[in-house]
Amino acid sequence: MSNTFKVNDFYNLLDGRRSIRVYDETIKIPREEMTEMLTEATKAPSSVNMQPWRFVVVESDEGKDKLRPLIRFNTRQNDTSSAMLLIFGDLECYTYGEEIYNKAVSEGKMSPEVRDEQLSMIIPYYKSFPKHVMSDIVKIDSSLVAMQLMLVARAYGYDTNPIGGFEADQLAEAFDLDPKRYVPVMILSIGKAKEDGYNSVRLDVDTFTNWK
């Protein structure tokens, strides 16, 4: 797979990122390009490589109509973006453990012995976690992929906005996911900015850092 980076300067990607609320409605991101961006984003780390993130790409008018009443005051992003990316954490991500580790073996990145040893520990361990513990794990990992996706999108010439204001108790079921298994983490709008995002400030690092 060949990427189509428009920007490959990390400081530019980092320092120039803005949360965009109004997009160019004429721009639609091709599915192949969206797939490339998601593939790059999923190089993010995750606990024991369980990759618990799950995506729903809402790009059709029908999908956006369904999403609109669930996103409170974020309707401008929904109505103008190329797509809304719903990011969920899978509480049963360990069911993919064997597939993930088998792939590592087939690509020569892990021995069969290490695979068997690790899976024999990881799978029972994950299954033993209460829901609130597992929820914390998958939310942390899915937040890592979300941040990476925002930077990848900039590298491809697109803009994003992370959204936390939505009806979390309704989102999974509205898009045909099991709400007992899939935990909503974040929504990202993505597209070409039509209006500039606001410049913002950050507190000095010494305000929230302790040195020991």
C-alpha atoms as a PDB file:
ATOM      1  CA  MET A   1       0.000   0.000   0.000  1.00  0.00           C
ATOM      2  CA  SER A   2       1.418   3.377  -0.979  1.00  0.00           C
ATOM      3  CA  ASN A   3       0.394   6.346   1.121  1.00  0.00           C
ATOM      4  CA  THR A   4      -0.594   9.715  -0.279  1.00  0.00           C
ATOM      5  CA  PHE A   5       0.945  12.001   2.323  1.00  0.00           C
ATOM      6  CA  LYS A   6       0.587  15.676   1.478  1.00  0.00           C
ATOM      7  CA  VAL A   7       2.620  16.738   4.522  1.00  0.00           C
ATOM      8  CA  ASN A   8       5.513  14.761   5.931  1.00  0.00           C
ATOM      9  CA  ASP A   9       6.935  17.290   8.386  1.00  0.00           C
ATOM     10  CA  PHE A  10       6.111  16.143  11.911  1.00  0.00           C
ATOM     11  CA  TYR A  11       6.338  19.560  13.556  1.00  0.00           C
ATOM     12  CA  ASN A  12       4.030  21.011  10.897  1.00  0.00           C
ATOM     13  CA  LEU A  13       1.540  18.195  11.547  1.00  0.00           C
ATOM     14  CA  LEU A  14       1.707  18.656  15.294  1.00  0.00           C
ATOM     15  CA  ASP A  15       1.786  22.429  15.566  1.00  0.00           C
ATOM     16  CA  GLY A  16      -0.692  23.106  12.780  1.00  0.00           C
ATOM     17  CA  ARG A  17      -3.464  20.813  13.971  1.00  0.00           C
ATOM     18  CA  ARG A  18      -6.712  22.616  14.746  1.00  0.00           C
ATOM     19  CA  SER A  19     -10.171  21.409  15.704  1.00  0.00           C
ATOM     20  CA  ILE A  20     -12.298  22.162  12.652  1.00  0.00           C
ATOM     21  CA  ARG A  21     -16.045  22.592  12.921  1.00  0.00           C
ATOM     22  CA  VAL A  22     -17.006  23.611   9.372  1.00  0.00           C
ATOM     23  CA  TYR A  23     -15.804  21.686   6.318  1.00  0.00           C
ATOM     24  CA  ASP A  24     -16.004  21.960   2.550  1.00  0.00           C
ATOM     25  CA  GLU A  25     -19.178  19.997   1.798  1.00  0.00           C
ATOM     26  CA  THR A  26     -18.085  19.293  -1.780  1.00  0.00           C
ATOM     27  CA  ILE A  27     -15.132  17.149  -0.659  1.00  0.00           C
ATOM     28  CA  LYS A  28     -15.691  13.430  -0.252  1.00  0.00           C
ATOM     29  CA  ILE A  29     -12.823  11.205   0.835  1.00  0.00           C
ATOM     30  CA  PRO A  30     -12.491   8.111  -1.384  1.00  0.00           C
ATOM     31  CA  ARG A  31     -12.947   4.853   0.503  1.00  0.00           C
ATOM     32  CA  GLU A  32      -9.496   3.667  -0.566  1.00  0.00           C
ATOM     33  CA  GLU A  33      -7.897   6.765   0.942  1.00  0.00           C
ATOM     34  CA  MET A  34      -9.937   6.467   4.142  1.00  0.00           C
ATOM     35  CA  THR A  35      -8.816   2.851   4.407  1.00  0.00           C
ATOM     36  CA  GLU A  36      -5.187   3.948   4.016  1.00  0.00           C
ATOM     37  CA  MET A  37      -5.563   6.500   6.817  1.00  0.00           C
ATOM     38  CA  LEU A  38      -7.176   3.999   9.157  1.00  0.00           C
ATOM     39  CA  THR A  39      -4.422   1.507   8.358  1.00  0.00           C
ATOM     40  CA  GLU A  40      -1.734   4.057   9.214  1.00  0.00           C
ATOM     41  CA  ALA A  41      -3.554   5.085  12.401  1.00  0.00           C
ATOM     42  CA  THR A  42      -3.802   1.511  13.636  1.00  0.00           C
ATOM     43  CA  LYS A  43      -0.037   1.366  13.928  1.00  0.00           C
ATOM     44  CA  ALA A  44      -0.748   2.945  17.327  1.00  0.00           C
ATOM     45  CA  PRO A  45       0.222   0.845  20.350  1.00  0.00           C
ATOM     46  CA  SER A  46      -2.280  -1.133  22.390  1.00  0.00           C
ATOM     47  CA  SER A  47      -2.080  -3.243  25.510  1.00  0.00           C
ATOM     48  CA  VAL A  48      -0.619  -6.669  24.599  1.00  0.00           C
ATOM     49  CA  ASN A  49      -1.392  -5.718  20.982  1.00  0.00           C
ATOM     50  CA  MET A  50      -5.098  -6.566  21.329  1.00  0.00           C
ATOM     51  CA  GLN A  51      -6.075  -3.618  19.072  1.00  0.00           C
ATOM     52  CA  PRO A  52      -9.494  -3.046  20.688  1.00  0.00           C
ATOM     53  CA  TRP A  53     -10.485  -0.092  18.498  1.00  0.00           C
ATOM     54  CA  ARG A  54     -13.500  -0.492  16.218  1.00  0.00           C
ATOM     55  CA  PHE A  55     -14.560   2.081  13.599  1.00  0.00           C
ATOM     56  CA  VAL A  56     -17.850   3.019  12.009  1.00  0.00           C
ATOM     57  CA  VAL A  57     -17.359   5.419   9.084  1.00  0.00           C
ATOM     58  CA  VAL A  58     -20.525   7.471   8.721  1.00  0.00           C
ATOM     59  CA  GLU A  59     -20.318   9.042   5.251  1.00  0.00           C
ATOM     60  CA  SER A  60     -23.756   8.628   3.663  1.00  0.00           C
ATOM     61  CA  ASP A  61     -26.608  11.108   3.980  1.00  0.00           C
ATOM     62  CA  GLU A  62     -28.686   8.385   5.615  1.00  0.00           C
ATOM     63  CA  GLY A  63     -25.974   7.637   8.158  1.00  0.00           C
ATOM     64  CA  LYS A  64     -25.520  11.302   9.002  1.00  0.00           C
ATOM     65  CA  ASP A  65     -29.274  11.747   9.400  1.00  0.00           C
ATOM     66  CA  LYS A  66     -29.242   8.904  11.920  1.00  0.00           C
ATOM     67  CA  LEU A  67     -26.258  10.393  13.757  1.00  0.00           C
ATOM     68  CA  ARG A  68     -27.473  14.004  13.882  1.00  0.00           C
ATOM     69  CA  PRO A  69     -29.867  13.703  16.861  1.00  0.00           C
ATOM     70  CA  LEU A  70     -27.203  11.879  18.861  1.00  0.00           C
ATOM     71  CA  ILE A  71     -24.441  14.497  18.709  1.00  0.00           C
ATOM     72  CA  ARG A  72     -25.986  17.381  20.613  1.00  0.00           C
ATOM     73  CA  PHE A  73     -24.287  20.655  19.624  1.00  0.00           C
ATOM     74  CA  ASN A  74     -21.914  19.181  17.029  1.00  0.00           C
ATOM     75  CA  THR A  75     -24.260  19.165  14.052  1.00  0.00           C
ATOM     76  CA  ARG A  76     -22.133  21.505  11.907  1.00  0.00           C
ATOM     77  CA  GLN A  77     -19.348  18.954  11.844  1.00  0.00           C
ATOM     78  CA  ASN A  78     -21.797  16.195  10.993  1.00  0.00           C
ATOM     79  CA  ASP A  79     -23.483  18.109   8.187  1.00  0.00           C
ATOM     80  CA  THR A  80     -20.382  19.478   6.453  1.00  0.00           C
ATOM     81  CA  SER A  81     -17.645  16.877   7.012  1.00  0.00           C
ATOM     82  CA  SER A  82     -16.648  14.193   4.540  1.00  0.00           C
ATOM     83  CA  ALA A  83     -17.345  11.630   7.243  1.00  0.00           C
ATOM     84  CA  MET A  84     -17.885  11.133  10.934  1.00  0.00           C
ATOM     85  CA  LEU A  85     -15.671   8.414  12.389  1.00  0.00           C
ATOM     86  CA  LEU A  86     -17.245   6.651  15.345  1.00  0.00           C
ATOM     87  CA  ILE A  87     -14.590   5.022  17.515  1.00  0.00           C
ATOM     88  CA  PHE A  88     -15.580   2.232  19.874  1.00  0.00           C
ATOM     89  CA  GLY A  89     -13.636   0.002  22.222  1.00  0.00           C
ATOM     90  CA  ASP A  90     -14.339  -3.725  22.025  1.00  0.00           C
ATOM     91  CA  LEU A  91     -14.721  -5.276  25.481  1.00  0.00           C
ATOM     92  CA  GLU A  92     -14.185  -8.699  23.905  1.00  0.00           C
ATOM     93  CA  CYS A  93     -11.146  -7.740  21.839  1.00  0.00           C
ATOM     94  CA  TYR A  94      -9.316 -10.796  23.167  1.00  0.00           C
ATOM     95  CA  THR A  95     -11.427 -12.947  20.811  1.00  0.00           C
ATOM     96  CA  TYR A  96      -9.079 -11.686  18.074  1.00  0.00           C
ATOM     97  CA  GLY A  97      -5.989 -12.596  20.090  1.00  0.00           C
ATOM     98  CA  GLU A  98      -5.295 -15.845  18.287  1.00  0.00           C
ATOM     99  CA  GLU A  99      -5.696 -14.218  14.870  1.00  0.00           C
ATOM    100  CA  ILE A 100      -3.367 -11.361  15.827  1.00  0.00           C
ATOM    101  CA  TYR A 101      -0.668 -13.598  17.257  1.00  0.00           C
ATOM    102  CA  ASN A 102      -0.934 -16.129  14.414  1.00  0.00           C
ATOM    103  CA  LYS A 103      -0.304 -13.273  11.989  1.00  0.00           C
ATOM    104  CA  ALA A 104       2.773 -12.277  13.993  1.00  0.00           C
ATOM    105  CA  VAL A 105       4.067 -15.840  13.663  1.00  0.00           C
ATOM    106  CA  SER A 106       3.326 -16.040   9.923  1.00  0.00           C
ATOM    107  CA  GLU A 107       5.223 -12.779   9.362  1.00  0.00           C
ATOM    108  CA  GLY A 108       8.219 -14.000  11.338  1.00  0.00           C
ATOM    109  CA  LYS A 109       7.752 -11.473  14.152  1.00  0.00           C
ATOM    110  CA  MET A 110       7.073 -14.044  16.852  1.00  0.00           C
ATOM    111  CA  SER A 111       7.860 -17.715  17.388  1.00  0.00           C
ATOM    112  CA  PRO A 112       5.029 -20.248  17.804  1.00  0.00           C
ATOM    113  CA  GLU A 113       6.349 -20.988  21.300  1.00  0.00           C
ATOM    114  CA  VAL A 114       6.133 -17.346  22.374  1.00  0.00           C
ATOM    115  CA  ARG A 115       2.666 -17.076  20.813  1.00  0.00           C
ATOM    116  CA  ASP A 116       1.373 -20.066  22.723  1.00  0.00           C
ATOM    117  CA  GLU A 117       2.934 -18.943  25.992  1.00  0.00           C
ATOM    118  CA  GLN A 118       1.591 -15.407  25.759  1.00  0.00           C
ATOM    119  CA  LEU A 119      -1.910 -16.345  24.636  1.00  0.00           C
ATOM    120  CA  SER A 120      -2.212 -18.891  27.434  1.00  0.00           C
ATOM    121  CA  MET A 121      -1.658 -16.052  29.910  1.00  0.00           C
ATOM    122  CA  ILE A 122      -3.307 -13.090  28.159  1.00  0.00           C
ATOM    123  CA  ILE A 123      -6.666 -14.557  27.153  1.00  0.00           C
ATOM    124  CA  PRO A 124      -7.663 -15.892  30.598  1.00  0.00           C
ATOM    125  CA  TYR A 125      -6.343 -12.696  32.188  1.00  0.00           C
ATOM    126  CA  TYR A 126      -8.458 -10.472  29.951  1.00  0.00           C
ATOM    127  CA  LYS A 127     -11.521 -12.655  30.439  1.00  0.00           C
ATOM    128  CA  SER A 128     -11.144 -12.302  34.209  1.00  0.00           C
ATOM    129  CA  PHE A 129     -11.381  -8.502  34.216  1.00  0.00           C
ATOM    130  CA  PRO A 130     -14.601  -6.902  35.459  1.00  0.00           C
ATOM    131  CA  LYS A 131     -16.328  -4.695  32.913  1.00  0.00           C
ATOM    132  CA  HIS A 132     -15.140  -1.390  34.361  1.00  0.00           C
ATOM    133  CA  VAL A 133     -11.487  -2.489  34.201  1.00  0.00           C
ATOM    134  CA  MET A 134     -11.802  -3.745  30.642  1.00  0.00           C
ATOM    135  CA  SER A 135     -13.610  -0.533  29.694  1.00  0.00           C
ATOM    136  CA  ASP A 136     -10.684   1.552  30.954  1.00  0.00           C
ATOM    137  CA  ILE A 137      -8.218  -0.549  28.943  1.00  0.00           C
ATOM    138  CA  VAL A 138     -10.065  -0.308  25.646  1.00  0.00           C
ATOM    139  CA  LYS A 139     -10.785   3.401  26.075  1.00  0.00           C
ATOM    140  CA  ILE A 140      -7.113   4.192  26.636  1.00  0.00           C
ATOM    141  CA  ASP A 141      -6.021   2.142  23.623  1.00  0.00           C
ATOM    142  CA  SER A 142      -8.765   3.557  21.405  1.00  0.00           C
ATOM    143  CA  SER A 143      -7.828   7.098  22.420  1.00  0.00           C
ATOM    144  CA  LEU A 144      -4.275   6.413  21.265  1.00  0.00           C
ATOM    145  CA  VAL A 145      -5.502   5.372  17.817  1.00  0.00           C
ATOM    146  CA  ALA A 146      -7.791   8.426  17.688  1.00  0.00           C
ATOM    147  CA  MET A 147      -4.912  10.837  18.305  1.00  0.00           C
ATOM    148  CA  GLN A 148      -2.778   9.046  15.753  1.00  0.00           C
ATOM    149  CA  LEU A 149      -5.633   9.230  13.253  1.00  0.00           C
ATOM    150  CA  MET A 150      -5.882  13.000  13.700  1.00  0.00           C
ATOM    151  CA  LEU A 151      -2.216  13.394  12.798  1.00  0.00           C
ATOM    152  CA  VAL A 152      -2.428  10.923   9.920  1.00  0.00           C
ATOM    153  CA  ALA A 153      -5.399  12.844   8.525  1.00  0.00           C
ATOM    154  CA  ARG A 154      -3.323  16.034   8.514  1.00  0.00           C
ATOM    155  CA  ALA A 155      -0.546  14.215   6.685  1.00  0.00           C
ATOM    156  CA  TYR A 156      -3.109  13.322   4.008  1.00  0.00           C
ATOM    157  CA  GLY A 157      -4.250  16.946   3.783  1.00  0.00           C
ATOM    158  CA  TYR A 158      -7.437  16.656   5.849  1.00  0.00           C
ATOM    159  CA  ASP A 159      -8.634  18.158   9.096  1.00  0.00           C
ATOM    160  CA  THR A 160     -10.455  16.711  12.081  1.00  0.00           C
ATOM    161  CA  ASN A 161     -12.315  17.525  15.252  1.00  0.00           C
ATOM    162  CA  PRO A 162     -12.472  15.173  18.252  1.00  0.00           C
ATOM    163  CA  ILE A 163     -15.987  15.100  19.673  1.00  0.00           C
ATOM    164  CA  GLY A 164     -17.010  13.907  23.108  1.00  0.00           C
ATOM    165  CA  GLY A 165     -20.478  15.453  23.191  1.00  0.00           C
ATOM    166  CA  PHE A 166     -22.794  12.665  22.047  1.00  0.00           C
ATOM    167  CA  GLU A 167     -25.402  10.275  23.416  1.00  0.00           C
ATOM    168  CA  ALA A 168     -23.051   7.537  24.539  1.00  0.00           C
ATOM    169  CA  ASP A 169     -25.848   5.272  25.733  1.00  0.00           C
ATOM    170  CA  GLN A 170     -27.471   5.205  22.280  1.00  0.00           C
ATOM    171  CA  LEU A 171     -24.582   5.332  19.800  1.00  0.00           C
ATOM    172  CA  ALA A 172     -23.660   1.648  19.479  1.00  0.00           C
ATOM    173  CA  GLU A 173     -27.194   0.358  19.071  1.00  0.00           C
ATOM    174  CA  ALA A 174     -28.040   3.110  16.563  1.00  0.00           C
ATOM    175  CA  PHE A 175     -25.293   1.770  14.298  1.00  0.00           C
ATOM    176  CA  ASP A 176     -26.045  -1.928  14.787  1.00  0.00           C
ATOM    177  CA  LEU A 177     -23.394  -2.719  17.382  1.00  0.00           C
ATOM    178  CA  ASP A 178     -23.978  -4.602  20.624  1.00  0.00           C
ATOM    179  CA  PRO A 179     -23.973  -1.906  23.351  1.00  0.00           C
ATOM    180  CA  LYS A 180     -22.925  -4.488  25.940  1.00  0.00           C
ATOM    181  CA  ARG A 181     -19.763  -5.240  23.996  1.00  0.00           C
ATOM    182  CA  TYR A 182     -18.814  -1.974  22.263  1.00  0.00           C
ATOM    183  CA  VAL A 183     -17.996   1.104  24.347  1.00  0.00           C
ATOM    184  CA  PRO A 184     -18.193   4.480  22.568  1.00  0.00           C
ATOM    185  CA  VAL A 185     -14.936   6.371  23.004  1.00  0.00           C
ATOM    186  CA  MET A 186     -14.932   9.331  20.639  1.00  0.00           C
ATOM    187  CA  ILE A 187     -16.268  10.703  17.368  1.00  0.00           C
ATOM    188  CA  LEU A 188     -13.917  12.356  14.871  1.00  0.00           C
ATOM    189  CA  SER A 189     -15.217  14.555  12.102  1.00  0.00           C
ATOM    190  CA  ILE A 190     -12.931  14.576   9.070  1.00  0.00           C
ATOM    191  CA  GLY A 191     -12.764  16.588   5.855  1.00  0.00           C
ATOM    192  CA  LYS A 192     -11.258  19.695   4.267  1.00  0.00           C
ATOM    193  CA  ALA A 193     -11.521  22.768   6.460  1.00  0.00           C
ATOM    194  CA  LYS A 194     -13.777  25.532   5.157  1.00  0.00           C
ATOM    195  CA  GLU A 195     -13.194  27.749   8.179  1.00  0.00           C
ATOM    196  CA  ASP A 196      -9.980  28.031  10.175  1.00  0.00           C
ATOM    197  CA  GLY A 197      -9.920  26.476  13.604  1.00  0.00           C
ATOM    198  CA  TYR A 198      -9.249  28.617  16.641  1.00  0.00           C
ATOM    199  CA  ASN A 199      -5.735  29.114  17.914  1.00  0.00           C
ATOM    200  CA  SER A 200      -5.593  27.974  21.515  1.00  0.00           C
ATOM    201  CA  VAL A 201      -3.185  28.188  24.428  1.00  0.00           C
ATOM    202  CA  ARG A 202      -1.656  25.585  26.703  1.00  0.00           C
ATOM    203  CA  LEU A 203      -0.594  25.920  30.304  1.00  0.00           C
ATOM    204  CA  ASP A 204       3.116  25.967  30.987  1.00  0.00           C
ATOM    205  CA  VAL A 205       4.427  22.450  31.539  1.00  0.00           C
ATOM    206  CA  ASP A 206       5.620  23.366  35.046  1.00  0.00           C
ATOM    207  CA  THR A 207       1.992  24.020  36.039  1.00  0.00           C
ATOM    208  CA  PHE A 208       1.112  20.335  35.826  1.00  0.00           C
ATOM    209  CA  THR A 209       4.432  18.516  36.081  1.00  0.00           C
ATOM    210  CA  ASN A 210       6.216  17.308  39.206  1.00  0.00           C
ATOM    211  CA  TRP A 211       9.883  16.424  39.084  1.00  0.00           C
ATOM    212  CA  LYS A 212      11.159  13.883  41.588  1.00  0.00           C
END
